[in-house]
């Protein structure tokens, strides 16, 4: 399929609705947050993904006009399950509609698969009980072999989560076309795929979507949309 054909497949609003506009940098202050809120309002992204402590500030600034997401067990995934569950409960109480949790990679590498699954399930159950709409599980593909990635997808499916997500963006690189395609094939439409980590441009975004991603996590959603609009105008 040519680039023109791919560009024709997606509208501006349609692409924006596939992007989680993400602000998780530890140096981000309220002025940066306000800029991301304006980006969200301008383009209509799927969610604004923020650190847990910024959830209430977004509600203070923007009320209920923003669909919010946050992270749990971030970025290593190795905290207590009980802590993840409590994080999830508090996050939803503070406005998060989507939860991106990190798989316990220490336990996964130790082949403690039932413990890993129970950790995921506990968060999924609390999220849904509290009123969250979507749960994504970050498996950190850069730390896993292909065989391990396939196994991780099976655990995500069993947990009842909605998405398997490639990366936190903080460890071991980010999303690759290979990994997105592998996760998509392994998921067999039982869960969706979110690509995150190092996706900064429109063409990269389109490549990830064509490979099988239903969501894109990026801190440069505004730049991606600007590039995409220019590309659409050029054809």
C-alpha atoms as a PDB file:
ATOM      1  CA  UNK A   1       0.000   0.000   0.000  1.00  0.00           C
ATOM      2  CA  UNK A   2       1.356   3.436  -0.943  1.00  0.00           C
ATOM      3  CA  UNK A   3       1.755   6.338   1.463  1.00  0.00           C
ATOM      4  CA  UNK A   4      -1.069   8.152  -0.317  1.00  0.00           C
ATOM      5  CA  UNK A   5      -3.368   5.170   0.245  1.00  0.00           C
ATOM      6  CA  UNK A   6      -2.421   5.066   3.935  1.00  0.00           C
ATOM      7  CA  UNK A   7      -2.995   8.802   4.358  1.00  0.00           C
ATOM      8  CA  UNK A   8      -6.399   8.433   2.727  1.00  0.00           C
ATOM      9  CA  UNK A   9      -7.382   5.773   5.276  1.00  0.00           C
ATOM     10  CA  UNK A  10      -7.230   8.119   8.260  1.00  0.00           C
ATOM     11  CA  UNK A  11      -8.953  11.406   8.956  1.00  0.00           C
ATOM     12  CA  UNK A  12      -7.370  14.020  11.206  1.00  0.00           C
ATOM     13  CA  UNK A  13      -9.919  13.417  13.940  1.00  0.00           C
ATOM     14  CA  UNK A  14      -9.698   9.658  13.468  1.00  0.00           C
ATOM     15  CA  UNK A  15      -5.943   9.612  13.964  1.00  0.00           C
ATOM     16  CA  UNK A  16      -6.150  11.883  17.013  1.00  0.00           C
ATOM     17  CA  UNK A  17      -8.599   9.467  18.640  1.00  0.00           C
ATOM     18  CA  UNK A  18      -5.922   6.758  18.436  1.00  0.00           C
ATOM     19  CA  UNK A  19      -3.334   8.798  20.363  1.00  0.00           C
ATOM     20  CA  UNK A  20      -2.815   8.910  24.128  1.00  0.00           C
ATOM     21  CA  UNK A  21      -1.222  12.356  24.520  1.00  0.00           C
ATOM     22  CA  UNK A  22       1.237  11.664  27.308  1.00  0.00           C
ATOM     23  CA  UNK A  23       2.984  13.785  29.915  1.00  0.00           C
ATOM     24  CA  UNK A  24       4.939  11.609  32.347  1.00  0.00           C
ATOM     25  CA  UNK A  25       8.251  13.452  32.510  1.00  0.00           C
ATOM     26  CA  UNK A  26       9.231  14.116  36.147  1.00  0.00           C
ATOM     27  CA  UNK A  27      10.188  17.708  35.266  1.00  0.00           C
ATOM     28  CA  UNK A  28       6.760  18.606  33.868  1.00  0.00           C
ATOM     29  CA  UNK A  29       5.240  21.473  35.855  1.00  0.00           C
ATOM     30  CA  UNK A  30       1.765  23.019  35.762  1.00  0.00           C
ATOM     31  CA  UNK A  31       2.619  25.272  32.808  1.00  0.00           C
ATOM     32  CA  UNK A  32       3.559  22.208  30.740  1.00  0.00           C
ATOM     33  CA  UNK A  33       0.385  20.482  31.888  1.00  0.00           C
ATOM     34  CA  UNK A  34      -1.716  23.443  30.739  1.00  0.00           C
ATOM     35  CA  UNK A  35      -0.105  23.229  27.304  1.00  0.00           C
ATOM     36  CA  UNK A  36      -0.974  19.522  27.045  1.00  0.00           C
ATOM     37  CA  UNK A  37      -4.551  20.245  28.077  1.00  0.00           C
ATOM     38  CA  UNK A  38      -4.792  22.782  25.245  1.00  0.00           C
ATOM     39  CA  UNK A  39      -3.349  20.192  22.826  1.00  0.00           C
ATOM     40  CA  UNK A  40      -6.019  17.726  23.922  1.00  0.00           C
ATOM     41  CA  UNK A  41      -8.792  20.255  23.378  1.00  0.00           C
ATOM     42  CA  UNK A  42      -7.412  21.269  19.972  1.00  0.00           C
ATOM     43  CA  UNK A  43      -7.055  17.786  18.479  1.00  0.00           C
ATOM     44  CA  UNK A  44      -9.409  15.537  20.471  1.00  0.00           C
ATOM     45  CA  UNK A  45      -6.936  12.857  21.519  1.00  0.00           C
ATOM     46  CA  UNK A  46      -8.133   9.541  22.968  1.00  0.00           C
ATOM     47  CA  UNK A  47      -6.935  10.512  26.446  1.00  0.00           C
ATOM     48  CA  UNK A  48      -4.575  12.830  28.247  1.00  0.00           C
ATOM     49  CA  UNK A  49      -2.138  10.528  30.050  1.00  0.00           C
ATOM     50  CA  UNK A  50      -0.659  12.129  33.169  1.00  0.00           C
ATOM     51  CA  UNK A  51       1.174  11.099  36.318  1.00  0.00           C
ATOM     52  CA  UNK A  52      -1.174  10.215  39.195  1.00  0.00           C
ATOM     53  CA  UNK A  53      -0.375  13.347  41.199  1.00  0.00           C
ATOM     54  CA  UNK A  54      -1.472  15.561  38.285  1.00  0.00           C
ATOM     55  CA  UNK A  55      -4.944  14.067  37.890  1.00  0.00           C
ATOM     56  CA  UNK A  56      -6.641  16.406  40.332  1.00  0.00           C
ATOM     57  CA  UNK A  57      -4.865  19.428  38.814  1.00  0.00           C
ATOM     58  CA  UNK A  58      -6.258  18.596  35.374  1.00  0.00           C
ATOM     59  CA  UNK A  59      -9.743  18.428  36.848  1.00  0.00           C
ATOM     60  CA  UNK A  60      -9.135  21.764  38.580  1.00  0.00           C
ATOM     61  CA  UNK A  61      -8.042  23.390  35.315  1.00  0.00           C
ATOM     62  CA  UNK A  62     -10.367  21.699  32.832  1.00  0.00           C
ATOM     63  CA  UNK A  63     -13.212  20.200  34.838  1.00  0.00           C
ATOM     64  CA  UNK A  64     -14.696  17.129  33.200  1.00  0.00           C
ATOM     65  CA  UNK A  65     -13.818  18.184  29.644  1.00  0.00           C
ATOM     66  CA  UNK A  66     -10.740  15.924  29.533  1.00  0.00           C
ATOM     67  CA  UNK A  67     -10.720  12.132  29.301  1.00  0.00           C
ATOM     68  CA  UNK A  68      -7.918  11.162  31.677  1.00  0.00           C
ATOM     69  CA  UNK A  69      -5.565   8.209  31.966  1.00  0.00           C
ATOM     70  CA  UNK A  70      -2.746   7.455  34.369  1.00  0.00           C
ATOM     71  CA  UNK A  71      -0.117   4.853  35.221  1.00  0.00           C
ATOM     72  CA  UNK A  72       0.049   2.268  38.005  1.00  0.00           C
ATOM     73  CA  UNK A  73       3.178   0.517  39.279  1.00  0.00           C
ATOM     74  CA  UNK A  74       5.160   2.832  37.035  1.00  0.00           C
ATOM     75  CA  UNK A  75       7.788   2.456  35.652  1.00  0.00           C
ATOM     76  CA  UNK A  76       9.211  -0.825  37.014  1.00  0.00           C
ATOM     77  CA  UNK A  77       6.080  -2.797  37.872  1.00  0.00           C
ATOM     78  CA  UNK A  78       7.764  -4.488  40.829  1.00  0.00           C
ATOM     79  CA  UNK A  79       5.834  -2.989  43.731  1.00  0.00           C
ATOM     80  CA  UNK A  80       3.314  -4.882  45.898  1.00  0.00           C
ATOM     81  CA  UNK A  81       0.060  -5.917  44.249  1.00  0.00           C
ATOM     82  CA  UNK A  82      -1.796  -4.270  47.128  1.00  0.00           C
ATOM     83  CA  UNK A  83      -0.028  -1.001  46.342  1.00  0.00           C
ATOM     84  CA  UNK A  84      -1.024  -1.243  42.679  1.00  0.00           C
ATOM     85  CA  UNK A  85      -4.625  -1.898  43.657  1.00  0.00           C
ATOM     86  CA  UNK A  86      -4.677   1.103  45.987  1.00  0.00           C
ATOM     87  CA  UNK A  87      -3.027   3.284  43.331  1.00  0.00           C
ATOM     88  CA  UNK A  88      -5.738   2.206  40.903  1.00  0.00           C
ATOM     89  CA  UNK A  89      -8.567   2.975  43.318  1.00  0.00           C
ATOM     90  CA  UNK A  90      -7.214   6.440  44.160  1.00  0.00           C
ATOM     91  CA  UNK A  91      -6.497   7.193  40.491  1.00  0.00           C
ATOM     92  CA  UNK A  92     -10.069   6.448  39.443  1.00  0.00           C
ATOM     93  CA  UNK A  93     -11.410   8.471  42.376  1.00  0.00           C
ATOM     94  CA  UNK A  94      -9.330  11.371  41.047  1.00  0.00           C
ATOM     95  CA  UNK A  95     -10.719  11.154  37.531  1.00  0.00           C
ATOM     96  CA  UNK A  96      -8.737   8.504  35.649  1.00  0.00           C
ATOM     97  CA  UNK A  97     -10.908   6.644  33.139  1.00  0.00           C
ATOM     98  CA  UNK A  98      -8.062   4.524  31.788  1.00  0.00           C
ATOM     99  CA  UNK A  99      -5.291   2.735  33.695  1.00  0.00           C
ATOM    100  CA  UNK A 100      -1.927   1.709  32.212  1.00  0.00           C
ATOM    101  CA  UNK A 101      -0.323  -0.732  34.663  1.00  0.00           C
ATOM    102  CA  UNK A 102       3.175  -2.192  34.473  1.00  0.00           C
ATOM    103  CA  UNK A 103       3.556  -5.962  34.586  1.00  0.00           C
ATOM    104  CA  UNK A 104       5.773  -7.324  37.366  1.00  0.00           C
ATOM    105  CA  UNK A 105       8.798  -8.077  35.211  1.00  0.00           C
ATOM    106  CA  UNK A 106      10.877  -9.522  38.073  1.00  0.00           C
ATOM    107  CA  UNK A 107       8.256 -12.173  38.691  1.00  0.00           C
ATOM    108  CA  UNK A 108       7.697 -12.741  34.972  1.00  0.00           C
ATOM    109  CA  UNK A 109      11.413 -13.357  34.402  1.00  0.00           C
ATOM    110  CA  UNK A 110      11.309 -15.787  37.326  1.00  0.00           C
ATOM    111  CA  UNK A 111       8.493 -17.657  35.547  1.00  0.00           C
ATOM    112  CA  UNK A 112       6.106 -16.967  38.401  1.00  0.00           C
ATOM    113  CA  UNK A 113       3.334 -16.681  35.857  1.00  0.00           C
ATOM    114  CA  UNK A 114       0.428 -17.238  38.233  1.00  0.00           C
ATOM    115  CA  UNK A 115       1.686 -14.463  40.509  1.00  0.00           C
ATOM    116  CA  UNK A 116       2.069 -12.170  37.495  1.00  0.00           C
ATOM    117  CA  UNK A 117      -1.455 -13.016  36.344  1.00  0.00           C
ATOM    118  CA  UNK A 118      -2.940 -12.456  39.791  1.00  0.00           C
ATOM    119  CA  UNK A 119      -1.188  -9.077  39.970  1.00  0.00           C
ATOM    120  CA  UNK A 120      -2.761  -8.064  36.653  1.00  0.00           C
ATOM    121  CA  UNK A 121      -6.177  -9.430  37.606  1.00  0.00           C
ATOM    122  CA  UNK A 122      -6.204  -7.538  40.894  1.00  0.00           C
ATOM    123  CA  UNK A 123      -5.637  -4.230  39.121  1.00  0.00           C
ATOM    124  CA  UNK A 124      -8.136  -4.985  36.351  1.00  0.00           C
ATOM    125  CA  UNK A 125     -10.812  -5.961  38.857  1.00  0.00           C
ATOM    126  CA  UNK A 126     -10.249  -2.860  40.993  1.00  0.00           C
ATOM    127  CA  UNK A 127     -10.192  -0.596  37.949  1.00  0.00           C
ATOM    128  CA  UNK A 128     -13.483  -1.928  36.618  1.00  0.00           C
ATOM    129  CA  UNK A 129     -15.075  -1.983  40.079  1.00  0.00           C
ATOM    130  CA  UNK A 130     -14.074   1.653  40.604  1.00  0.00           C
ATOM    131  CA  UNK A 131     -15.408   2.730  37.226  1.00  0.00           C
ATOM    132  CA  UNK A 132     -12.425   2.831  34.862  1.00  0.00           C
ATOM    133  CA  UNK A 133     -13.311   2.120  31.234  1.00  0.00           C
ATOM    134  CA  UNK A 134     -10.025   0.668  29.957  1.00  0.00           C
ATOM    135  CA  UNK A 135      -7.007  -1.148  31.420  1.00  0.00           C
ATOM    136  CA  UNK A 136      -3.744  -1.562  29.534  1.00  0.00           C
ATOM    137  CA  UNK A 137      -0.847  -3.761  30.671  1.00  0.00           C
ATOM    138  CA  UNK A 138       2.701  -2.635  29.870  1.00  0.00           C
ATOM    139  CA  UNK A 139       4.935  -5.663  29.330  1.00  0.00           C
ATOM    140  CA  UNK A 140       8.194  -3.804  28.490  1.00  0.00           C
ATOM    141  CA  UNK A 141       8.987  -5.599  25.238  1.00  0.00           C
ATOM    142  CA  UNK A 142      12.587  -4.343  25.207  1.00  0.00           C
ATOM    143  CA  UNK A 143      13.346  -6.649  28.131  1.00  0.00           C
ATOM    144  CA  UNK A 144      11.654  -9.745  26.684  1.00  0.00           C
ATOM    145  CA  UNK A 145      12.445 -12.377  24.076  1.00  0.00           C
ATOM    146  CA  UNK A 146       9.843 -12.999  21.384  1.00  0.00           C
ATOM    147  CA  UNK A 147       8.782 -16.168  23.195  1.00  0.00           C
ATOM    148  CA  UNK A 148       8.341 -14.180  26.398  1.00  0.00           C
ATOM    149  CA  UNK A 149       6.317 -11.516  24.592  1.00  0.00           C
ATOM    150  CA  UNK A 150       3.893 -14.171  23.356  1.00  0.00           C
ATOM    151  CA  UNK A 151       3.604 -15.586  26.888  1.00  0.00           C
ATOM    152  CA  UNK A 152       3.005 -12.110  28.309  1.00  0.00           C
ATOM    153  CA  UNK A 153       0.172 -11.533  25.827  1.00  0.00           C
ATOM    154  CA  UNK A 154      -1.502 -14.739  27.010  1.00  0.00           C
ATOM    155  CA  UNK A 155      -1.366 -13.513  30.608  1.00  0.00           C
ATOM    156  CA  UNK A 156      -2.801 -10.122  29.608  1.00  0.00           C
ATOM    157  CA  UNK A 157      -5.669 -11.860  27.815  1.00  0.00           C
ATOM    158  CA  UNK A 158      -6.403 -14.024  30.863  1.00  0.00           C
ATOM    159  CA  UNK A 159      -6.318 -10.999  33.173  1.00  0.00           C
ATOM    160  CA  UNK A 160      -9.304  -9.368  31.488  1.00  0.00           C
ATOM    161  CA  UNK A 161      -7.355  -6.261  30.481  1.00  0.00           C
ATOM    162  CA  UNK A 162      -8.245  -4.428  27.293  1.00  0.00           C
ATOM    163  CA  UNK A 163      -4.798  -3.744  25.835  1.00  0.00           C
ATOM    164  CA  UNK A 164      -1.271  -5.076  25.857  1.00  0.00           C
ATOM    165  CA  UNK A 165       1.185  -2.185  25.676  1.00  0.00           C
ATOM    166  CA  UNK A 166       4.759  -2.352  24.450  1.00  0.00           C
ATOM    167  CA  UNK A 167       6.748  -0.076  26.723  1.00  0.00           C
ATOM    168  CA  UNK A 168       6.936   2.531  29.446  1.00  0.00           C
ATOM    169  CA  UNK A 169       9.356   4.584  27.360  1.00  0.00           C
ATOM    170  CA  UNK A 170      11.657   4.780  30.369  1.00  0.00           C
ATOM    171  CA  UNK A 171      13.461   1.427  30.038  1.00  0.00           C
ATOM    172  CA  UNK A 172      15.107  -0.630  27.286  1.00  0.00           C
ATOM    173  CA  UNK A 173      13.985   1.348  24.271  1.00  0.00           C
ATOM    174  CA  UNK A 174      10.470   1.689  22.932  1.00  0.00           C
ATOM    175  CA  UNK A 175       8.024   0.315  20.410  1.00  0.00           C
ATOM    176  CA  UNK A 176       9.147  -1.436  17.231  1.00  0.00           C
ATOM    177  CA  UNK A 177       7.211  -2.536  14.181  1.00  0.00           C
ATOM    178  CA  UNK A 178       8.326  -6.105  14.844  1.00  0.00           C
ATOM    179  CA  UNK A 179       6.980  -6.082  18.388  1.00  0.00           C
ATOM    180  CA  UNK A 180       3.677  -4.454  17.502  1.00  0.00           C
ATOM    181  CA  UNK A 181       3.062  -7.001  14.740  1.00  0.00           C
ATOM    182  CA  UNK A 182       4.047  -9.869  17.043  1.00  0.00           C
ATOM    183  CA  UNK A 183       1.747  -8.696  19.821  1.00  0.00           C
ATOM    184  CA  UNK A 184      -1.102  -8.249  17.358  1.00  0.00           C
ATOM    185  CA  UNK A 185      -0.684 -11.754  15.958  1.00  0.00           C
ATOM    186  CA  UNK A 186      -0.421 -13.244  19.433  1.00  0.00           C
ATOM    187  CA  UNK A 187      -3.458 -11.352  20.693  1.00  0.00           C
ATOM    188  CA  UNK A 188      -5.690 -12.738  17.926  1.00  0.00           C
ATOM    189  CA  UNK A 189      -8.174  -9.902  18.508  1.00  0.00           C
ATOM    190  CA  UNK A 190      -8.669 -10.908  22.157  1.00  0.00           C
ATOM    191  CA  UNK A 191      -6.947  -7.731  23.357  1.00  0.00           C
ATOM    192  CA  UNK A 192      -5.829  -4.643  21.482  1.00  0.00           C
ATOM    193  CA  UNK A 193      -2.273  -3.361  21.138  1.00  0.00           C
ATOM    194  CA  UNK A 194      -0.913  -0.024  22.309  1.00  0.00           C
ATOM    195  CA  UNK A 195       2.473   1.040  20.928  1.00  0.00           C
ATOM    196  CA  UNK A 196       4.459   3.401  23.131  1.00  0.00           C
ATOM    197  CA  UNK A 197       8.035   4.519  23.545  1.00  0.00           C
ATOM    198  CA  UNK A 198       9.993   6.618  21.059  1.00  0.00           C
ATOM    199  CA  UNK A 199       7.087   7.379  18.681  1.00  0.00           C
ATOM    200  CA  UNK A 200       7.572  11.036  17.773  1.00  0.00           C
ATOM    201  CA  UNK A 201       6.551  11.550  14.140  1.00  0.00           C
ATOM    202  CA  UNK A 202       3.509  11.072  11.960  1.00  0.00           C
ATOM    203  CA  UNK A 203       5.049   8.473   9.670  1.00  0.00           C
ATOM    204  CA  UNK A 204       6.216   6.416  12.661  1.00  0.00           C
ATOM    205  CA  UNK A 205       2.710   6.618  14.083  1.00  0.00           C
ATOM    206  CA  UNK A 206       1.110   5.440  10.843  1.00  0.00           C
ATOM    207  CA  UNK A 207       3.617   2.599  10.570  1.00  0.00           C
ATOM    208  CA  UNK A 208       2.740   1.395  14.081  1.00  0.00           C
ATOM    209  CA  UNK A 209      -0.974   1.536  13.328  1.00  0.00           C
ATOM    210  CA  UNK A 210      -0.540  -0.330  10.056  1.00  0.00           C
ATOM    211  CA  UNK A 211       1.446  -2.972  11.976  1.00  0.00           C
ATOM    212  CA  UNK A 212      -1.489  -3.530  14.306  1.00  0.00           C
ATOM    213  CA  UNK A 213      -1.578  -0.869  17.024  1.00  0.00           C
ATOM    214  CA  UNK A 214      -4.991   0.490  18.002  1.00  0.00           C
ATOM    215  CA  UNK A 215      -3.514   3.133  20.312  1.00  0.00           C
ATOM    216  CA  UNK A 216      -0.307   5.152  20.260  1.00  0.00           C
ATOM    217  CA  UNK A 217       1.307   6.526  23.400  1.00  0.00           C
ATOM    218  CA  UNK A 218       3.437   9.590  22.787  1.00  0.00           C
ATOM    219  CA  UNK A 219       4.542  12.822  24.392  1.00  0.00           C
ATOM    220  CA  UNK A 220       4.538  14.534  20.992  1.00  0.00           C
ATOM    221  CA  UNK A 221       0.931  14.086  19.947  1.00  0.00           C
ATOM    222  CA  UNK A 222       0.702  17.732  18.908  1.00  0.00           C
ATOM    223  CA  UNK A 223       3.738  17.470  16.621  1.00  0.00           C
ATOM    224  CA  UNK A 224       2.447  14.226  15.130  1.00  0.00           C
ATOM    225  CA  UNK A 225      -0.871  15.863  14.290  1.00  0.00           C
ATOM    226  CA  UNK A 226       0.832  18.906  12.764  1.00  0.00           C
ATOM    227  CA  UNK A 227       2.958  16.625  10.575  1.00  0.00           C
ATOM    228  CA  UNK A 228      -0.025  14.482   9.633  1.00  0.00           C
ATOM    229  CA  UNK A 229      -2.091  17.492   8.585  1.00  0.00           C
ATOM    230  CA  UNK A 230       0.780  18.723   6.391  1.00  0.00           C
ATOM    231  CA  UNK A 231       1.097  15.300   4.803  1.00  0.00           C
ATOM    232  CA  UNK A 232      -2.634  15.171   4.107  1.00  0.00           C
ATOM    233  CA  UNK A 233      -2.504  18.640   2.546  1.00  0.00           C
ATOM    234  CA  UNK A 234       0.396  17.613   0.293  1.00  0.00           C
ATOM    235  CA  UNK A 235      -1.481  14.856  -1.519  1.00  0.00           C
END
